[in-house]
Amino acid sequence: MTNVTCRDLLEGLSDYLDGEAPSELCAEIEHHLAECGKCRIVVDTLRQTVSLYRQLPKPAMPEPARERLYKRLDLTEYLPPAK
């Protein structure tokens, strides 16, 4: 991909921020960001949002939901014994 457009940037943004985009795409995105202030704002905002989200404690899954999920996935052998 050459001359990354704003739309192209948005399509590859998750992989880019997660460090999973190919190096060629990263270079093209960074080149685009150097020239496009609007996309820089989008990327910076999303990067900060992801960072804040990752700092939150992971919520526990309610037991009834966990039981339904494990039954649906046929993983009931991993459920703790019923009380």
Protein backbone atom coordinates (compact mmCIF):
# COMPACT_ATOMS: atom_id res chain seq x y z
CA MET A 1 0.00 0.00 0.00
CA THR A 2 1.37 3.38 -0.90
CA ASN A 3 0.06 6.82 -0.05
CA VAL A 4 -2.03 5.71 2.91
CA THR A 5 -5.32 7.56 3.01
CA CYS A 6 -7.23 8.39 6.18
CA ARG A 7 -9.57 5.47 5.43
CA ASP A 8 -6.61 3.10 4.97
CA LEU A 9 -5.20 4.26 8.28
CA LEU A 10 -8.45 3.52 10.09
CA GLU A 11 -8.62 0.03 8.60
CA GLY A 12 -5.16 -0.89 9.94
CA LEU A 13 -5.29 1.11 13.14
CA SER A 14 -5.99 -1.72 15.60
CA ASP A 15 -3.11 -3.83 14.33
CA TYR A 16 -0.85 -0.77 14.30
CA LEU A 17 -1.62 0.18 17.90
CA ASP A 18 -1.32 -3.44 19.06
CA GLY A 19 2.10 -3.72 17.41
CA GLU A 20 0.83 -6.43 15.07
CA ALA A 21 0.90 -4.56 11.76
CA PRO A 22 3.60 -5.40 9.23
CA SER A 23 6.58 -3.04 9.39
CA GLU A 24 5.87 -1.72 5.89
CA LEU A 25 2.33 -0.73 6.91
CA CYS A 26 3.62 0.85 10.14
CA ALA A 27 6.05 2.98 8.15
CA GLU A 28 3.29 4.11 5.80
CA ILE A 29 0.93 4.89 8.68
CA GLU A 30 3.64 6.88 10.47
CA HIS A 31 4.37 8.80 7.27
CA HIS A 32 0.65 9.59 6.95
CA LEU A 33 0.46 10.65 10.61
CA ALA A 34 3.36 13.04 10.09
CA GLU A 35 1.29 14.85 7.48
CA CYS A 36 -2.29 14.49 8.78
CA GLY A 37 -3.16 16.25 12.02
CA LYS A 38 -6.70 14.86 12.12
CA CYS A 39 -5.49 11.28 11.99
CA ARG A 40 -2.83 12.07 14.62
CA ILE A 41 -5.62 13.19 16.94
CA VAL A 42 -7.60 10.00 16.27
CA VAL A 43 -4.58 7.77 16.85
CA ASP A 44 -3.47 9.61 20.01
CA THR A 45 -6.99 9.52 21.44
CA LEU A 46 -7.43 5.83 20.72
CA ARG A 47 -3.96 5.04 22.08
CA GLN A 48 -4.81 6.84 25.34
CA THR A 49 -8.20 5.12 25.55
CA VAL A 50 -6.65 1.67 25.11
CA SER A 51 -3.99 2.48 27.70
CA LEU A 52 -6.58 3.59 30.24
CA TYR A 53 -8.74 0.55 29.56
CA ARG A 54 -5.81 -1.81 30.09
CA GLN A 55 -5.17 -0.23 33.50
CA LEU A 56 -8.67 -1.09 34.74
CA PRO A 57 -9.11 -4.21 36.87
CA LYS A 58 -10.58 -7.10 34.93
CA PRO A 59 -14.18 -7.65 36.00
CA ALA A 60 -15.17 -11.08 37.25
CA MET A 61 -17.68 -12.95 35.16
CA PRO A 62 -20.91 -13.59 37.09
CA GLU A 63 -21.16 -17.28 37.95
CA PRO A 64 -24.46 -17.88 36.09
CA ALA A 65 -22.98 -16.38 32.91
CA ARG A 66 -19.83 -18.45 33.33
CA GLU A 67 -21.89 -21.62 33.74
CA ARG A 68 -23.93 -20.86 30.59
CA LEU A 69 -20.76 -20.13 28.62
CA TYR A 70 -18.99 -23.30 29.74
CA LYS A 71 -22.08 -25.40 28.98
CA ARG A 72 -22.40 -23.83 25.53
CA LEU A 73 -18.72 -24.54 24.83
CA ASP A 74 -19.06 -28.03 26.31
CA LEU A 75 -16.44 -27.25 28.94
CA THR A 76 -18.54 -28.24 31.96
CA GLU A 77 -15.73 -30.48 33.21
CA TYR A 78 -13.85 -27.28 34.13
CA LEU A 79 -16.66 -25.85 36.25
CA PRO A 80 -16.24 -26.10 40.01
CA PRO A 81 -18.54 -28.63 41.70
CA ALA A 82 -22.08 -27.37 42.38
CA LYS A 83 -22.74 -26.20 45.91
